[in-house]
Amino acid sequence: MAPSDDCRVEYADDQDESYQPILNDKRSFSGEPVSTELEEILSNMELSHPTRILRATILELRILFRLAGPAIVVYLLNFLVSIATQIFCGHLGNLELAAASLGNTGVQVFVFGVMVWSQNLRSKFDLKKW
């Protein structure tokens, strides 16, 4: 299988000594085009250092929130269900509230343990789909 021109690696030799990336990849390992926006922000020497860092941070946070947003929403909804359960059990009495609180905590710890165990098992046996 011959490599195509799009997957070729370009060596950056036209940069000054203060900034010189090792490689400029045109494509990622997944075959999708790589955005050079972050490298352009960080290599723009016309901007001050704090401005470059701020813009790069905002760009990275946008990308991370796009990836982590669904997980954050699920966690918050799970937390709200737990709070609603404890509020309703609080109306029944102190003993019931304590029981519901311990039950919710126990279930959440158990589910987290199962999640960590399955991830360890998956990485141990190198399972792609499980």
Protein backbone atom coordinates (compact mmCIF):
# COMPACT_ATOMS: atom_id res chain seq x y z
CA MET A 1 0.00 0.00 0.00
CA ALA A 2 1.73 3.16 -1.20
CA PRO A 3 1.35 6.31 0.92
CA SER A 4 -0.57 9.09 -0.74
CA ASP A 5 0.61 12.70 -0.96
CA ASP A 6 -1.97 13.75 1.66
CA CYS A 7 -0.39 11.54 4.34
CA ARG A 8 3.12 12.77 3.67
CA VAL A 9 5.03 14.50 6.48
CA GLU A 10 6.49 17.92 5.82
CA TYR A 11 9.54 19.06 7.73
CA ALA A 12 9.38 22.66 8.82
CA ASP A 13 12.62 24.38 7.83
CA ASP A 14 11.40 27.89 7.05
CA GLN A 15 10.81 28.89 10.71
CA ASP A 16 13.11 31.00 12.83
CA GLU A 17 15.14 29.53 15.69
CA SER A 18 12.71 30.60 18.47
CA TYR A 19 9.87 28.50 17.08
CA GLN A 20 10.37 25.44 14.96
CA PRO A 21 7.92 22.53 15.02
CA ILE A 22 9.40 19.09 14.50
CA LEU A 23 6.76 17.86 12.06
CA ASN A 24 3.83 19.37 10.24
CA ASP A 25 1.36 16.53 9.68
CA LYS A 26 -1.27 17.07 7.03
CA ARG A 27 -3.50 14.30 8.36
CA SER A 28 -4.14 12.65 11.68
CA PHE A 29 -3.96 8.93 12.31
CA SER A 30 -7.70 8.65 11.72
CA GLY A 31 -7.34 10.07 8.22
CA GLU A 32 -9.22 13.29 8.96
CA PRO A 33 -7.59 16.64 8.14
CA VAL A 34 -5.74 18.21 11.06
CA SER A 35 -6.62 21.75 12.08
CA THR A 36 -3.61 24.04 12.25
CA GLU A 37 -5.51 26.75 14.10
CA LEU A 38 -3.79 26.09 17.44
CA GLU A 39 -0.33 26.12 15.91
CA GLU A 40 -1.15 29.33 14.04
CA ILE A 41 -2.25 30.99 17.28
CA LEU A 42 0.84 29.90 19.18
CA SER A 43 3.26 30.80 16.38
CA ASN A 44 1.84 34.31 15.83
CA MET A 45 4.66 36.37 17.34
CA GLU A 46 2.82 39.64 16.67
CA LEU A 47 0.58 38.90 19.67
CA SER A 48 1.82 39.06 23.23
CA HIS A 49 2.51 35.83 25.08
CA PRO A 50 -0.53 36.10 27.43
CA THR A 51 -2.81 36.82 24.45
CA ARG A 52 -1.55 33.77 22.58
CA ILE A 53 -1.99 31.57 25.66
CA LEU A 54 -5.51 32.94 26.25
CA ARG A 55 -6.59 32.32 22.65
CA ALA A 56 -5.05 28.83 22.65
CA THR A 57 -6.79 28.03 25.94
CA ILE A 58 -10.16 29.17 24.58
CA LEU A 59 -9.67 27.07 21.46
CA GLU A 60 -8.73 23.98 23.48
CA LEU A 61 -11.66 24.46 25.87
CA ARG A 62 -14.07 24.68 22.94
CA ILE A 63 -12.78 21.35 21.63
CA LEU A 64 -12.82 19.72 25.08
CA PHE A 65 -16.33 20.91 25.91
CA ARG A 66 -17.56 19.53 22.60
CA LEU A 67 -16.18 16.14 23.62
CA ALA A 68 -16.96 16.22 27.33
CA GLY A 69 -20.28 18.09 27.16
CA PRO A 70 -22.51 15.00 26.97
CA ALA A 71 -20.70 13.37 29.90
CA ILE A 72 -21.10 16.55 31.97
CA VAL A 73 -24.84 16.71 31.20
CA VAL A 74 -25.34 13.04 32.16
CA TYR A 75 -23.44 13.55 35.42
CA LEU A 76 -25.50 16.64 36.31
CA LEU A 77 -28.79 14.87 35.52
CA ASN A 78 -27.74 11.89 37.65
CA PHE A 79 -26.87 14.28 40.46
CA LEU A 80 -30.25 16.03 40.15
CA VAL A 81 -32.11 12.71 40.35
CA SER A 82 -30.16 11.86 43.49
CA ILE A 83 -30.99 15.25 45.03
CA ALA A 84 -34.69 14.93 44.14
CA THR A 85 -34.81 11.49 45.75
CA GLN A 86 -33.26 12.81 48.94
CA ILE A 87 -35.63 15.78 49.05
CA PHE A 88 -38.68 13.54 48.77
CA CYS A 89 -37.31 11.10 51.35
CA GLY A 90 -36.58 14.02 53.67
CA HIS A 91 -40.31 14.70 53.84
CA LEU A 92 -40.86 11.17 55.20
CA GLY A 93 -38.46 11.46 58.14
CA ASN A 94 -34.87 11.47 59.32
CA LEU A 95 -34.41 7.70 59.22
CA GLU A 96 -35.80 7.46 55.70
CA LEU A 97 -33.57 10.32 54.55
CA ALA A 98 -30.49 8.60 55.98
CA ALA A 99 -31.45 5.30 54.32
CA ALA A 100 -32.01 6.95 50.92
CA SER A 101 -28.74 8.87 51.20
CA LEU A 102 -26.75 5.71 52.02
CA GLY A 103 -28.58 3.80 49.27
CA ASN A 104 -27.84 6.42 46.62
CA THR A 105 -24.20 6.64 47.66
CA GLY A 106 -23.85 2.86 47.70
CA VAL A 107 -25.35 2.47 44.24
CA GLN A 108 -23.19 5.25 42.80
CA VAL A 109 -20.00 3.77 44.29
CA PHE A 110 -20.96 0.31 43.00
CA VAL A 111 -21.64 1.59 39.48
CA PHE A 112 -18.37 3.55 39.47
CA GLY A 113 -16.53 0.41 40.62
CA VAL A 114 -18.10 -1.65 37.83
CA MET A 115 -17.11 1.02 35.31
CA VAL A 116 -13.47 1.07 36.50
CA TRP A 117 -13.34 -2.74 36.66
CA SER A 118 -14.68 -3.11 33.12
CA GLN A 119 -12.17 -0.56 31.82
CA ASN A 120 -9.31 -2.41 33.53
CA LEU A 121 -10.54 -5.70 32.15
CA ARG A 122 -10.87 -4.19 28.70
CA SER A 123 -7.33 -2.82 28.74
CA LYS A 124 -5.93 -6.02 30.25
CA PHE A 125 -7.29 -8.22 27.48
CA ASP A 126 -7.11 -5.50 24.83
CA LEU A 127 -10.74 -5.91 23.86
CA LYS A 128 -11.89 -3.50 21.16
CA LYS A 129 -15.64 -3.96 21.72
CA TRP A 130 -17.06 -5.30 24.94
